[in-house]
């Protein structure tokens, strides 16, 4: 088996990396992790629109706004509401 990854919405980083027991687990991090994973032989997964929320990486305030626009879970919503109304 080989490792796989999901690229972030910008297409340069990654939001998920996985590997079967038979493959080495060698995740990369940072803004160029997509290229590093691909160069290491990992297969890119989830290029379809069905994984839009998984491709969201929250690194900036703009990223957080985009995620809220797409929809966040109940626990994330509760934290955001608590921060907005201390």
Protein backbone atom coordinates (compact mmCIF):
# COMPACT_ATOMS: atom_id res chain seq x y z
CA UNK A 1 0.00 0.00 0.00
CA UNK A 2 0.93 3.62 -0.41
CA UNK A 3 0.26 6.75 1.62
CA UNK A 4 -2.39 9.28 0.62
CA UNK A 5 -3.14 12.91 1.36
CA UNK A 6 -5.79 15.60 0.88
CA UNK A 7 -4.52 18.99 -0.31
CA UNK A 8 -5.74 22.18 1.33
CA UNK A 9 -8.05 24.59 -0.51
CA UNK A 10 -5.09 26.67 -1.70
CA UNK A 11 -3.51 23.58 -3.25
CA UNK A 12 -0.10 23.97 -1.62
CA UNK A 13 -0.48 22.43 1.84
CA UNK A 14 -2.34 19.40 3.16
CA UNK A 15 -5.10 18.82 5.68
CA UNK A 16 -4.92 15.04 5.94
CA UNK A 17 -2.21 12.41 5.53
CA UNK A 18 -2.76 8.69 5.99
CA UNK A 19 -0.81 5.51 5.38
CA UNK A 20 -1.57 1.80 5.67
CA UNK A 21 0.45 -0.32 8.08
CA UNK A 22 2.53 -1.55 5.13
CA UNK A 23 3.71 1.97 4.17
CA UNK A 24 6.00 4.29 6.11
CA UNK A 25 4.19 7.09 7.95
CA UNK A 26 6.09 10.22 6.92
CA UNK A 27 3.85 13.30 7.08
CA UNK A 28 5.11 16.74 6.07
CA UNK A 29 3.85 20.06 7.37
CA UNK A 30 3.78 23.65 6.18
CA UNK A 31 2.81 25.57 3.07
CA UNK A 32 4.61 23.20 0.66
CA UNK A 33 3.55 19.89 2.21
CA UNK A 34 1.45 18.91 -0.83
CA UNK A 35 4.52 18.88 -3.08
CA UNK A 36 6.57 17.05 -0.44
CA UNK A 37 3.94 14.32 -0.04
CA UNK A 38 3.62 13.88 -3.81
CA UNK A 39 7.40 13.75 -4.23
CA UNK A 40 7.48 11.05 -1.55
CA UNK A 41 5.10 8.88 -3.57
CA UNK A 42 1.86 9.57 -1.70
CA UNK A 43 -1.33 9.68 -3.76
CA UNK A 44 -3.54 12.78 -3.70
CA UNK A 45 -7.10 11.96 -2.60
CA UNK A 46 -10.37 13.86 -2.63
CA UNK A 47 -10.09 16.26 -5.53
CA UNK A 48 -13.90 16.39 -5.88
CA UNK A 49 -16.22 19.00 -4.43
CA UNK A 50 -17.54 16.53 -1.85
CA UNK A 51 -14.54 17.15 0.39
CA UNK A 52 -14.64 20.96 0.39
CA UNK A 53 -14.86 21.16 4.18
CA UNK A 54 -11.99 18.70 4.64
CA UNK A 55 -9.79 20.84 2.39
CA UNK A 56 -10.23 23.81 4.75
CA UNK A 57 -7.10 24.51 6.75
CA UNK A 58 -7.49 27.20 9.40
CA UNK A 59 -4.27 29.21 9.44
CA UNK A 60 -5.62 32.78 9.33
CA UNK A 61 -8.68 34.80 10.34
CA UNK A 62 -9.79 34.76 6.69
CA UNK A 63 -9.56 30.94 6.70
CA UNK A 64 -11.77 30.86 9.79
CA UNK A 65 -14.32 33.15 8.15
CA UNK A 66 -14.39 30.89 5.06
CA UNK A 67 -14.91 27.81 7.24
CA UNK A 68 -17.81 29.48 9.06
CA UNK A 69 -19.35 30.36 5.71
CA UNK A 70 -19.17 26.69 4.66
CA UNK A 71 -20.57 25.61 8.01
CA UNK A 72 -18.92 24.44 11.21
CA UNK A 73 -19.94 21.82 13.74
CA UNK A 74 -21.87 22.50 16.91
CA UNK A 75 -18.80 22.55 19.18
CA UNK A 76 -16.85 24.92 16.94
CA UNK A 77 -19.94 27.14 16.70
CA UNK A 78 -20.26 27.17 20.51
CA UNK A 79 -16.63 28.24 20.93
CA UNK A 80 -16.95 30.96 18.28
CA UNK A 81 -20.15 32.24 19.90
CA UNK A 82 -18.50 32.28 23.34
CA UNK A 83 -15.53 34.23 21.95
CA UNK A 84 -17.82 36.73 20.24
CA UNK A 85 -19.91 37.30 23.39
CA UNK A 86 -17.67 36.86 26.46
